[in-house]
N, C-alpha and C. Protein backbone atom coordinates (compact mmCIF):
# COMPACT_ATOMS: atom_id res chain seq x y z
N MET A 1 0.85 -1.20 0.00
CA MET A 1 0.00 0.00 0.00
C MET A 1 0.88 1.25 0.00
N GLU A 2 0.57 2.20 -0.86
CA GLU A 2 1.37 3.41 -0.95
C GLU A 2 1.12 4.31 0.27
N THR A 3 2.20 4.90 0.76
CA THR A 3 2.11 5.78 1.93
C THR A 3 1.96 7.22 1.47
N HIS A 4 1.00 7.93 2.06
CA HIS A 4 0.77 9.33 1.72
C HIS A 4 0.94 10.18 2.97
N VAL A 5 1.55 11.35 2.77
CA VAL A 5 1.71 12.31 3.86
C VAL A 5 1.28 13.69 3.38
N ARG A 6 1.12 14.59 4.34
CA ARG A 6 0.80 15.98 4.04
C ARG A 6 1.91 16.85 4.64
N LEU A 7 2.29 17.91 3.93
CA LEU A 7 3.32 18.82 4.40
C LEU A 7 2.69 20.12 4.86
N GLU A 8 3.01 20.53 6.09
CA GLU A 8 2.50 21.78 6.66
C GLU A 8 3.68 22.73 6.89
N PRO A 9 3.62 23.98 6.41
CA PRO A 9 4.73 24.91 6.63
C PRO A 9 5.04 25.06 8.12
N TRP A 10 6.31 25.18 8.43
CA TRP A 10 6.77 25.27 9.82
C TRP A 10 6.17 26.50 10.49
N SER A 11 5.75 26.33 11.75
CA SER A 11 5.11 27.43 12.46
C SER A 11 5.63 27.51 13.89
N ALA A 12 5.18 28.53 14.63
CA ALA A 12 5.63 28.74 16.00
C ALA A 12 5.27 27.57 16.90
N GLY A 13 4.21 26.85 16.57
CA GLY A 13 3.78 25.73 17.40
C GLY A 13 4.56 24.45 17.18
N ASP A 14 5.58 24.49 16.32
CA ASP A 14 6.31 23.27 15.98
C ASP A 14 7.63 23.12 16.72
N PHE A 15 7.88 23.98 17.71
CA PHE A 15 9.16 23.90 18.43
C PHE A 15 9.32 22.55 19.13
N TRP A 16 8.21 21.97 19.60
CA TRP A 16 8.29 20.67 20.25
C TRP A 16 8.89 19.61 19.33
N LEU A 17 8.59 19.72 18.03
CA LEU A 17 9.11 18.77 17.06
C LEU A 17 10.61 18.98 16.87
N LEU A 18 11.03 20.23 16.88
CA LEU A 18 12.46 20.53 16.79
C LEU A 18 13.20 19.95 18.00
N GLU A 19 12.59 20.03 19.18
CA GLU A 19 13.20 19.44 20.38
C GLU A 19 13.30 17.92 20.26
N ARG A 20 12.27 17.29 19.73
CA ARG A 20 12.32 15.84 19.53
C ARG A 20 13.40 15.46 18.54
N LYS A 21 13.54 16.26 17.49
CA LYS A 21 14.55 15.95 16.48
C LYS A 21 15.98 16.22 16.98
N ASN A 22 16.09 16.90 18.12
CA ASN A 22 17.40 17.20 18.69
C ASN A 22 17.85 16.14 19.68
N GLU A 23 17.07 15.10 19.86
CA GLU A 23 17.45 14.02 20.77
C GLU A 23 18.65 13.25 20.22
N PRO A 24 19.46 12.64 21.08
CA PRO A 24 20.66 11.94 20.62
C PRO A 24 20.42 10.91 19.52
N ILE A 25 19.32 10.16 19.62
CA ILE A 25 19.05 9.14 18.62
C ILE A 25 18.78 9.74 17.24
N MET A 26 18.29 10.99 17.21
CA MET A 26 17.99 11.65 15.95
C MET A 26 19.19 12.40 15.38
N THR A 27 20.20 12.64 16.19
CA THR A 27 21.33 13.46 15.74
C THR A 27 22.65 12.70 15.71
N GLN A 28 22.59 11.39 15.83
CA GLN A 28 23.83 10.62 15.90
C GLN A 28 24.65 10.70 14.61
N PHE A 29 24.00 10.98 13.48
CA PHE A 29 24.72 11.14 12.21
C PHE A 29 24.89 12.61 11.83
N LEU A 30 24.52 13.52 12.75
CA LEU A 30 24.54 14.96 12.46
C LEU A 30 25.41 15.74 13.44
N GLY A 31 26.29 15.04 14.13
CA GLY A 31 27.18 15.74 15.04
C GLY A 31 26.67 15.87 16.45
N GLY A 32 25.52 15.26 16.77
CA GLY A 32 24.99 15.29 18.13
C GLY A 32 24.03 16.44 18.36
N PRO A 33 23.37 16.45 19.52
CA PRO A 33 22.37 17.49 19.83
C PRO A 33 22.96 18.88 19.83
N GLU A 34 22.14 19.86 19.44
CA GLU A 34 22.54 21.26 19.46
C GLU A 34 22.23 21.87 20.82
N PRO A 35 23.00 22.88 21.25
CA PRO A 35 22.66 23.61 22.48
C PRO A 35 21.30 24.30 22.34
N ALA A 36 20.69 24.62 23.48
CA ALA A 36 19.35 25.21 23.48
C ALA A 36 19.30 26.51 22.68
N ALA A 37 20.34 27.34 22.78
CA ALA A 37 20.34 28.63 22.08
C ALA A 37 20.32 28.41 20.57
N LYS A 38 21.06 27.42 20.08
CA LYS A 38 21.06 27.14 18.64
C LYS A 38 19.72 26.59 18.19
N LEU A 39 19.08 25.85 19.06
CA LEU A 39 17.77 25.31 18.72
C LEU A 39 16.75 26.43 18.58
N VAL A 40 16.80 27.40 19.47
CA VAL A 40 15.90 28.56 19.39
C VAL A 40 16.16 29.33 18.11
N ASP A 41 17.43 29.49 17.75
CA ASP A 41 17.77 30.19 16.51
C ASP A 41 17.28 29.42 15.29
N ARG A 42 17.39 28.11 15.34
CA ARG A 42 16.91 27.28 14.22
C ARG A 42 15.40 27.43 14.06
N GLN A 43 14.67 27.44 15.17
CA GLN A 43 13.22 27.63 15.12
C GLN A 43 12.90 28.97 14.46
N ARG A 44 13.63 30.00 14.82
CA ARG A 44 13.41 31.33 14.25
C ARG A 44 13.64 31.31 12.73
N ARG A 45 14.70 30.64 12.32
CA ARG A 45 15.00 30.58 10.89
C ARG A 45 13.95 29.77 10.13
N TYR A 46 13.48 28.69 10.72
CA TYR A 46 12.46 27.88 10.07
C TYR A 46 11.16 28.66 9.89
N GLU A 47 10.77 29.41 10.92
CA GLU A 47 9.57 30.23 10.81
C GLU A 47 9.74 31.30 9.74
N ALA A 48 10.94 31.90 9.68
CA ALA A 48 11.20 32.93 8.67
C ALA A 48 11.11 32.36 7.26
N MET A 49 11.52 31.12 7.08
CA MET A 49 11.43 30.50 5.76
C MET A 49 9.98 30.38 5.31
N SER A 50 9.08 30.15 6.26
CA SER A 50 7.66 30.03 5.90
C SER A 50 7.08 31.34 5.40
N ALA A 51 7.72 32.47 5.74
CA ALA A 51 7.23 33.78 5.34
C ALA A 51 7.87 34.28 4.04
N ARG A 52 8.87 33.56 3.55
CA ARG A 52 9.56 33.99 2.34
C ARG A 52 8.83 33.47 1.10
N GLU A 53 9.29 33.93 -0.09
CA GLU A 53 8.71 33.43 -1.31
C GLU A 53 8.99 31.93 -1.41
N PRO A 54 8.07 31.14 -1.96
CA PRO A 54 8.22 29.69 -1.97
C PRO A 54 9.52 29.20 -2.61
N ALA A 55 10.01 29.89 -3.64
CA ALA A 55 11.20 29.43 -4.34
C ALA A 55 12.46 29.53 -3.50
N ALA A 56 12.41 30.29 -2.40
CA ALA A 56 13.60 30.47 -1.57
C ALA A 56 13.82 29.31 -0.62
N GLY A 57 12.85 28.42 -0.50
CA GLY A 57 12.99 27.28 0.39
C GLY A 57 11.91 27.26 1.45
N ARG A 58 11.70 26.08 2.03
CA ARG A 58 10.69 25.89 3.06
C ARG A 58 11.11 24.74 3.97
N MET A 59 10.69 24.86 5.24
CA MET A 59 10.70 23.71 6.14
C MET A 59 9.25 23.33 6.40
N PHE A 60 9.00 22.03 6.45
CA PHE A 60 7.65 21.53 6.63
C PHE A 60 7.59 20.54 7.79
N ARG A 61 6.46 20.54 8.47
CA ARG A 61 6.10 19.46 9.39
C ARG A 61 5.41 18.37 8.57
N VAL A 62 5.82 17.14 8.76
CA VAL A 62 5.26 16.02 8.02
C VAL A 62 4.11 15.42 8.81
N VAL A 63 2.95 15.34 8.19
CA VAL A 63 1.74 14.84 8.85
C VAL A 63 1.28 13.57 8.14
N TRP A 64 1.04 12.54 8.93
CA TRP A 64 0.64 11.22 8.40
C TRP A 64 -0.61 10.75 9.10
N THR A 65 -1.57 10.27 8.33
CA THR A 65 -2.77 9.65 8.89
C THR A 65 -2.69 8.15 8.64
N PRO A 66 -2.34 7.38 9.66
CA PRO A 66 -2.20 5.93 9.46
C PRO A 66 -3.51 5.28 9.07
N ALA A 67 -3.44 4.22 8.30
CA ALA A 67 -4.63 3.43 7.99
C ALA A 67 -5.11 2.75 9.27
N GLY A 68 -6.43 2.53 9.36
CA GLY A 68 -6.98 1.84 10.51
C GLY A 68 -7.02 2.69 11.76
N GLN A 69 -7.10 4.03 11.61
CA GLN A 69 -7.16 4.88 12.78
C GLN A 69 -8.46 5.67 12.84
N GLY A 70 -9.52 5.11 12.30
CA GLY A 70 -10.83 5.73 12.43
C GLY A 70 -11.38 5.53 13.84
N PRO A 71 -12.48 6.22 14.18
CA PRO A 71 -13.06 6.08 15.51
C PRO A 71 -13.38 4.64 15.88
N GLU A 72 -13.76 3.83 14.87
CA GLU A 72 -14.10 2.45 15.18
C GLU A 72 -12.87 1.64 15.58
N ASP A 73 -11.67 2.18 15.29
CA ASP A 73 -10.43 1.50 15.67
C ASP A 73 -9.80 2.12 16.90
N GLY A 74 -10.51 3.02 17.54
CA GLY A 74 -9.98 3.67 18.72
C GLY A 74 -9.27 4.97 18.43
N GLY A 75 -9.26 5.41 17.18
CA GLY A 75 -8.62 6.66 16.83
C GLY A 75 -9.47 7.86 17.20
N SER A 76 -8.83 8.99 17.35
CA SER A 76 -9.54 10.22 17.69
C SER A 76 -9.73 11.07 16.45
N PRO A 77 -10.93 11.65 16.24
CA PRO A 77 -11.13 12.50 15.07
C PRO A 77 -10.43 13.85 15.21
N ASP A 78 -9.90 14.16 16.37
CA ASP A 78 -9.28 15.46 16.60
C ASP A 78 -7.80 15.30 16.95
N GLY A 79 -7.12 14.35 16.29
CA GLY A 79 -5.74 14.05 16.67
C GLY A 79 -4.70 14.93 16.03
N ARG A 80 -5.03 15.84 15.15
CA ARG A 80 -4.04 16.70 14.53
C ARG A 80 -3.50 17.68 15.54
N GLN A 81 -2.29 18.16 15.28
CA GLN A 81 -1.66 19.09 16.21
C GLN A 81 -2.49 20.36 16.38
N ASP A 82 -3.18 20.78 15.33
CA ASP A 82 -3.97 21.99 15.42
C ASP A 82 -5.40 21.71 15.90
N GLY A 83 -5.74 20.45 16.20
CA GLY A 83 -7.02 20.11 16.79
C GLY A 83 -8.16 20.01 15.79
N ARG A 84 -7.89 20.21 14.49
CA ARG A 84 -8.97 20.12 13.52
C ARG A 84 -9.24 18.67 13.16
N PRO A 85 -10.48 18.30 12.90
CA PRO A 85 -10.78 16.92 12.51
C PRO A 85 -10.18 16.60 11.16
N ASP A 86 -9.90 15.33 10.94
CA ASP A 86 -9.28 14.88 9.70
C ASP A 86 -10.00 13.64 9.20
N ASP A 87 -11.24 13.82 8.74
CA ASP A 87 -12.03 12.73 8.18
C ASP A 87 -12.19 11.57 9.16
N GLY A 88 -12.29 11.88 10.44
CA GLY A 88 -12.51 10.84 11.43
C GLY A 88 -11.29 10.01 11.75
N ARG A 89 -10.12 10.35 11.21
CA ARG A 89 -8.91 9.59 11.49
C ARG A 89 -7.91 10.46 12.23
N ARG A 90 -7.04 9.81 13.01
CA ARG A 90 -6.05 10.54 13.79
C ARG A 90 -4.83 10.84 12.93
N ALA A 91 -4.48 12.10 12.78
CA ALA A 91 -3.30 12.49 12.03
C ALA A 91 -2.14 12.70 13.00
N GLU A 92 -0.98 12.21 12.62
CA GLU A 92 0.20 12.28 13.47
C GLU A 92 1.25 13.19 12.82
N SER A 93 1.87 14.05 13.62
CA SER A 93 3.04 14.81 13.17
C SER A 93 4.25 13.91 13.39
N VAL A 94 4.89 13.50 12.30
CA VAL A 94 5.87 12.41 12.38
C VAL A 94 7.31 12.85 12.13
N GLY A 95 7.53 14.10 11.72
CA GLY A 95 8.88 14.55 11.44
C GLY A 95 8.88 15.82 10.62
N SER A 96 9.99 16.05 9.94
CA SER A 96 10.13 17.27 9.14
C SER A 96 10.85 16.96 7.84
N VAL A 97 10.67 17.86 6.88
CA VAL A 97 11.39 17.79 5.61
C VAL A 97 11.49 19.21 5.08
N GLY A 98 12.55 19.51 4.36
CA GLY A 98 12.69 20.88 3.86
C GLY A 98 13.74 21.00 2.77
N PHE A 99 13.79 22.18 2.18
CA PHE A 99 14.82 22.49 1.18
C PHE A 99 15.20 23.94 1.33
N TRP A 100 16.41 24.27 0.89
CA TRP A 100 16.93 25.63 1.00
C TRP A 100 17.97 25.86 -0.09
N GLU A 101 18.24 27.13 -0.34
CA GLU A 101 19.17 27.50 -1.40
C GLU A 101 20.62 27.36 -0.93
N ARG A 102 21.49 26.95 -1.85
CA ARG A 102 22.92 26.92 -1.57
C ARG A 102 23.68 26.89 -2.90
N GLU A 103 24.96 27.16 -2.84
CA GLU A 103 25.85 26.98 -3.99
C GLU A 103 26.60 25.67 -3.79
N TRP A 104 26.66 24.87 -4.84
CA TRP A 104 27.39 23.61 -4.75
C TRP A 104 28.21 23.41 -6.02
N GLN A 105 29.52 23.37 -5.85
CA GLN A 105 30.45 23.19 -6.96
C GLN A 105 30.18 24.21 -8.07
N GLY A 106 29.97 25.46 -7.64
CA GLY A 106 29.78 26.57 -8.57
C GLY A 106 28.41 26.68 -9.19
N GLU A 107 27.46 25.88 -8.72
CA GLU A 107 26.11 25.89 -9.30
C GLU A 107 25.08 26.24 -8.23
N PRO A 108 24.11 27.11 -8.55
CA PRO A 108 23.02 27.37 -7.60
C PRO A 108 22.06 26.18 -7.57
N VAL A 109 21.91 25.56 -6.41
CA VAL A 109 21.08 24.36 -6.28
C VAL A 109 20.22 24.52 -5.03
N TYR A 110 19.38 23.52 -4.80
CA TYR A 110 18.70 23.37 -3.52
C TYR A 110 19.34 22.20 -2.77
N GLU A 111 19.40 22.34 -1.46
CA GLU A 111 19.78 21.22 -0.60
C GLU A 111 18.53 20.78 0.15
N SER A 112 18.41 19.50 0.39
CA SER A 112 17.24 18.98 1.10
C SER A 112 17.67 18.21 2.33
N GLY A 113 16.77 18.14 3.29
CA GLY A 113 17.02 17.37 4.50
C GLY A 113 15.71 16.94 5.12
N TRP A 114 15.74 15.90 5.94
CA TRP A 114 14.52 15.34 6.52
C TRP A 114 14.86 14.58 7.79
N GLY A 115 13.85 14.30 8.57
CA GLY A 115 14.00 13.49 9.75
C GLY A 115 12.64 12.98 10.21
N ILE A 116 12.54 11.68 10.41
CA ILE A 116 11.29 11.05 10.89
C ILE A 116 11.53 10.54 12.30
N LEU A 117 10.61 10.85 13.21
CA LEU A 117 10.76 10.44 14.61
C LEU A 117 10.86 8.92 14.72
N PRO A 118 11.65 8.44 15.67
CA PRO A 118 11.92 6.99 15.75
C PRO A 118 10.68 6.11 15.79
N GLU A 119 9.66 6.55 16.52
CA GLU A 119 8.48 5.69 16.67
C GLU A 119 7.65 5.57 15.39
N PHE A 120 7.98 6.38 14.39
CA PHE A 120 7.24 6.32 13.12
C PHE A 120 8.10 5.79 11.96
N GLN A 121 9.31 5.42 12.25
CA GLN A 121 10.18 4.91 11.20
C GLN A 121 9.75 3.50 10.80
N GLY A 122 10.09 3.13 9.56
CA GLY A 122 9.74 1.80 9.07
C GLY A 122 8.44 1.74 8.30
N HIS A 123 7.83 2.90 8.03
CA HIS A 123 6.57 2.94 7.28
C HIS A 123 6.73 3.62 5.91
N GLY A 124 7.95 3.91 5.49
CA GLY A 124 8.15 4.58 4.22
C GLY A 124 7.85 6.07 4.26
N LEU A 125 7.82 6.66 5.45
CA LEU A 125 7.41 8.06 5.57
C LEU A 125 8.46 9.03 5.07
N ALA A 126 9.74 8.71 5.21
CA ALA A 126 10.78 9.60 4.70
C ALA A 126 10.70 9.70 3.19
N VAL A 127 10.52 8.58 2.52
CA VAL A 127 10.40 8.59 1.06
C VAL A 127 9.15 9.35 0.63
N ALA A 128 8.04 9.12 1.34
CA ALA A 128 6.79 9.82 1.01
C ALA A 128 6.94 11.32 1.20
N ALA A 129 7.59 11.73 2.30
CA ALA A 129 7.78 13.16 2.56
C ALA A 129 8.70 13.80 1.53
N LEU A 130 9.77 13.12 1.19
CA LEU A 130 10.70 13.66 0.20
C LEU A 130 10.04 13.73 -1.18
N THR A 131 9.21 12.77 -1.50
CA THR A 131 8.48 12.79 -2.78
C THR A 131 7.54 13.99 -2.84
N GLU A 132 6.83 14.27 -1.74
CA GLU A 132 5.97 15.45 -1.70
C GLU A 132 6.78 16.73 -1.80
N LEU A 133 7.94 16.75 -1.15
CA LEU A 133 8.79 17.93 -1.21
C LEU A 133 9.25 18.20 -2.65
N LEU A 134 9.63 17.16 -3.36
CA LEU A 134 10.09 17.33 -4.75
C LEU A 134 8.95 17.84 -5.63
N ALA A 135 7.73 17.40 -5.37
CA ALA A 135 6.58 17.92 -6.12
C ALA A 135 6.42 19.42 -5.85
N TYR A 136 6.64 19.83 -4.61
CA TYR A 136 6.56 21.25 -4.26
C TYR A 136 7.65 22.03 -4.99
N VAL A 137 8.84 21.49 -5.04
CA VAL A 137 9.95 22.17 -5.74
C VAL A 137 9.64 22.29 -7.23
N ARG A 138 9.08 21.24 -7.81
CA ARG A 138 8.74 21.32 -9.23
C ARG A 138 7.72 22.43 -9.49
N ALA A 139 6.81 22.62 -8.56
CA ALA A 139 5.76 23.62 -8.73
C ALA A 139 6.23 25.02 -8.42
N HIS A 140 7.14 25.18 -7.46
CA HIS A 140 7.47 26.52 -6.96
C HIS A 140 8.95 26.90 -7.10
N GLY A 141 9.81 25.94 -7.31
CA GLY A 141 11.24 26.23 -7.32
C GLY A 141 11.72 26.86 -8.61
N THR A 142 12.91 27.42 -8.56
CA THR A 142 13.52 28.06 -9.73
C THR A 142 14.87 27.46 -10.07
N ARG A 143 15.39 26.57 -9.24
CA ARG A 143 16.70 25.96 -9.49
C ARG A 143 16.51 24.57 -10.09
N ASP A 144 17.53 24.10 -10.79
CA ASP A 144 17.38 22.92 -11.63
C ASP A 144 17.66 21.60 -10.93
N SER A 145 18.20 21.64 -9.74
CA SER A 145 18.50 20.38 -9.07
C SER A 145 18.39 20.52 -7.56
N VAL A 146 18.07 19.38 -6.95
CA VAL A 146 17.99 19.27 -5.49
C VAL A 146 19.02 18.23 -5.07
N HIS A 147 19.87 18.60 -4.12
CA HIS A 147 20.91 17.68 -3.63
C HIS A 147 20.60 17.25 -2.20
N ALA A 148 21.12 16.10 -1.84
CA ALA A 148 21.09 15.62 -0.47
C ALA A 148 22.46 15.02 -0.18
N PHE A 149 22.91 15.14 1.08
CA PHE A 149 24.27 14.72 1.42
C PHE A 149 24.28 13.84 2.67
N PRO A 150 23.61 12.70 2.65
CA PRO A 150 23.68 11.80 3.81
C PRO A 150 25.08 11.23 3.97
N GLY A 151 25.47 10.96 5.21
CA GLY A 151 26.78 10.38 5.46
C GLY A 151 26.93 9.01 4.83
N THR A 152 28.16 8.67 4.49
CA THR A 152 28.42 7.33 3.94
C THR A 152 28.12 6.25 4.98
N ASP A 153 28.06 6.66 6.26
CA ASP A 153 27.79 5.72 7.34
C ASP A 153 26.31 5.65 7.69
N HIS A 154 25.46 6.21 6.83
CA HIS A 154 24.01 6.25 7.12
C HIS A 154 23.25 5.58 5.97
N PRO A 155 23.24 4.25 5.93
CA PRO A 155 22.62 3.54 4.81
C PRO A 155 21.13 3.82 4.66
N ALA A 156 20.42 4.07 5.76
CA ALA A 156 18.97 4.30 5.66
C ALA A 156 18.67 5.57 4.87
N SER A 157 19.39 6.66 5.14
CA SER A 157 19.15 7.90 4.42
C SER A 157 19.58 7.79 2.96
N ASN A 158 20.63 7.05 2.69
CA ASN A 158 21.03 6.85 1.30
C ASN A 158 19.98 6.04 0.55
N ALA A 159 19.36 5.09 1.22
CA ALA A 159 18.29 4.32 0.59
C ALA A 159 17.08 5.20 0.31
N VAL A 160 16.80 6.16 1.18
CA VAL A 160 15.69 7.09 0.95
C VAL A 160 15.94 7.87 -0.33
N CYS A 161 17.15 8.38 -0.51
CA CYS A 161 17.48 9.13 -1.73
C CYS A 161 17.25 8.28 -2.98
N ARG A 162 17.72 7.06 -2.93
CA ARG A 162 17.59 6.18 -4.09
C ARG A 162 16.12 5.93 -4.41
N ARG A 163 15.33 5.64 -3.39
CA ARG A 163 13.91 5.33 -3.61
C ARG A 163 13.12 6.55 -4.06
N ALA A 164 13.59 7.76 -3.69
CA ALA A 164 12.88 8.98 -4.08
C ALA A 164 13.27 9.47 -5.48
N GLY A 165 14.19 8.77 -6.13
CA GLY A 165 14.53 9.11 -7.51
C GLY A 165 15.78 9.95 -7.67
N PHE A 166 16.59 10.09 -6.62
CA PHE A 166 17.84 10.82 -6.73
C PHE A 166 18.90 9.97 -7.44
N GLU A 167 19.87 10.64 -8.03
CA GLU A 167 20.98 9.99 -8.71
C GLU A 167 22.24 10.13 -7.85
N TYR A 168 22.93 9.03 -7.64
CA TYR A 168 24.17 9.05 -6.85
C TYR A 168 25.32 9.57 -7.71
N LEU A 169 25.97 10.63 -7.24
CA LEU A 169 27.06 11.25 -8.01
C LEU A 169 28.44 10.89 -7.49
N GLY A 170 28.52 10.34 -6.29
CA GLY A 170 29.83 9.98 -5.74
C GLY A 170 29.97 10.43 -4.30
N ASP A 171 31.09 10.07 -3.69
CA ASP A 171 31.37 10.45 -2.32
C ASP A 171 32.07 11.80 -2.27
N VAL A 172 31.74 12.60 -1.26
CA VAL A 172 32.34 13.92 -1.07
C VAL A 172 32.59 14.14 0.42
N ASP A 173 33.47 15.08 0.73
CA ASP A 173 33.63 15.55 2.11
C ASP A 173 32.71 16.76 2.27
N PHE A 174 31.63 16.57 3.00
CA PHE A 174 30.63 17.61 3.18
C PHE A 174 30.68 18.09 4.61
N GLU A 175 30.71 19.41 4.79
CA GLU A 175 30.84 19.97 6.13
C GLU A 175 29.49 20.04 6.84
N TYR A 176 29.36 19.25 7.90
CA TYR A 176 28.20 19.36 8.78
C TYR A 176 28.52 18.66 10.10
N PRO A 177 28.43 19.44 11.20
CA PRO A 177 28.17 20.88 11.27
C PRO A 177 29.24 21.68 10.51
N PRO A 178 28.96 22.96 10.23
CA PRO A 178 29.93 23.79 9.50
C PRO A 178 31.31 23.72 10.13
N GLY A 179 32.31 23.49 9.27
CA GLY A 179 33.68 23.39 9.74
C GLY A 179 34.12 21.98 10.08
N VAL A 180 33.19 21.03 10.02
CA VAL A 180 33.51 19.64 10.34
C VAL A 180 33.25 18.77 9.11
N PRO A 181 34.30 18.45 8.34
CA PRO A 181 34.11 17.60 7.15
C PRO A 181 33.64 16.21 7.54
N HIS A 182 32.69 15.69 6.78
CA HIS A 182 32.15 14.36 7.06
C HIS A 182 32.02 13.61 5.74
N PRO A 183 32.55 12.41 5.64
CA PRO A 183 32.40 11.63 4.39
C PRO A 183 30.92 11.42 4.09
N SER A 184 30.49 11.91 2.93
CA SER A 184 29.07 11.90 2.58
C SER A 184 28.87 11.45 1.15
N CYS A 185 27.64 11.11 0.84
CA CYS A 185 27.25 10.76 -0.53
C CYS A 185 26.52 11.96 -1.13
N ASP A 186 26.88 12.29 -2.36
CA ASP A 186 26.23 13.39 -3.08
C ASP A 186 25.15 12.79 -3.97
N TRP A 187 23.90 13.09 -3.62
CA TRP A 187 22.75 12.64 -4.41
C TRP A 187 22.10 13.85 -5.07
N ARG A 188 21.70 13.69 -6.32
CA ARG A 188 21.08 14.80 -7.06
C ARG A 188 19.77 14.36 -7.69
N TYR A 189 18.79 15.26 -7.57
CA TYR A 189 17.50 15.08 -8.26
C TYR A 189 17.35 16.20 -9.27
N ARG A 190 17.23 15.86 -10.53
CA ARG A 190 17.03 16.85 -11.59
C ARG A 190 15.56 17.25 -11.63
N VAL A 191 15.30 18.54 -11.50
CA VAL A 191 13.93 19.04 -11.45
C VAL A 191 13.42 19.23 -12.88
N GLU A 192 12.40 18.49 -13.24
CA GLU A 192 11.80 18.61 -14.57
C GLU A 192 10.43 19.27 -14.41
N ARG A 193 10.28 20.40 -15.03
CA ARG A 193 9.02 21.15 -14.93
C ARG A 193 8.28 21.07 -16.27
N PRO A 194 6.94 21.05 -16.23
CA PRO A 194 6.17 21.04 -17.48
C PRO A 194 6.49 22.27 -18.32
N ARG A 195 6.64 22.09 -19.60
CA ARG A 195 6.87 23.24 -20.48
C ARG A 195 5.59 24.07 -20.64
N ALA A 196 5.78 25.36 -20.74
CA ALA A 196 4.63 26.28 -20.85
C ALA A 196 3.76 25.90 -22.04
N GLY A 197 2.46 25.88 -21.84
CA GLY A 197 1.52 25.63 -22.93
C GLY A 197 1.19 24.17 -23.11
N LEU A 198 1.87 23.27 -22.33
CA LEU A 198 1.59 21.85 -22.46
C LEU A 198 0.69 21.38 -21.33
N THR A 199 -0.22 20.51 -21.65
CA THR A 199 -1.05 19.89 -20.64
C THR A 199 -0.25 18.73 -20.05
N PRO A 200 -0.68 18.18 -18.88
CA PRO A 200 0.04 17.04 -18.31
C PRO A 200 0.16 15.87 -19.27
N SER A 201 -0.78 15.73 -20.21
CA SER A 201 -0.72 14.62 -21.14
C SER A 201 0.20 14.91 -22.31
N GLY A 202 0.74 16.14 -22.38
CA GLY A 202 1.67 16.48 -23.46
C GLY A 202 1.01 17.23 -24.56
């Protein structure tokens, strides 16, 4: 069964998710947890991205409504973070996904990143979220490629890139955190947009 998610622009109410993503288990491939002050600054930057033009980048909260979570299965119709009903099923905020502008090897590109909370991993949600993100970039972006740089020691994230349609370009030393080179894989997704005047059928 195909997994579907919804992307919600990052907001002031999402700081709890940033705190969850800062736990040691979520940051073991990212240099470890950030200090509280950096986390507050990151929240500020994520909110600011939501107010910018769409082509400049966005961070999103990933929302998933699991199958079998209707009221008859014990699910709550008001399980979304904002308290609104969701067709009688409980919607879960399961992680984040986003893209932002950067220069890479002399080319203006987008970089992408994502994270799914541990208790929701194993359902294909990272691939589903990244797929939705790429659709957003095709609709709103202005740059021709989206890159991702998972560590060579992180097979799960590399598998996500492959399943989402990225092309593996080779290994690179990518700085993350800034100033700390880390052996990484360079994955690229070429953004193909419909040509003006053509319908989806061509």
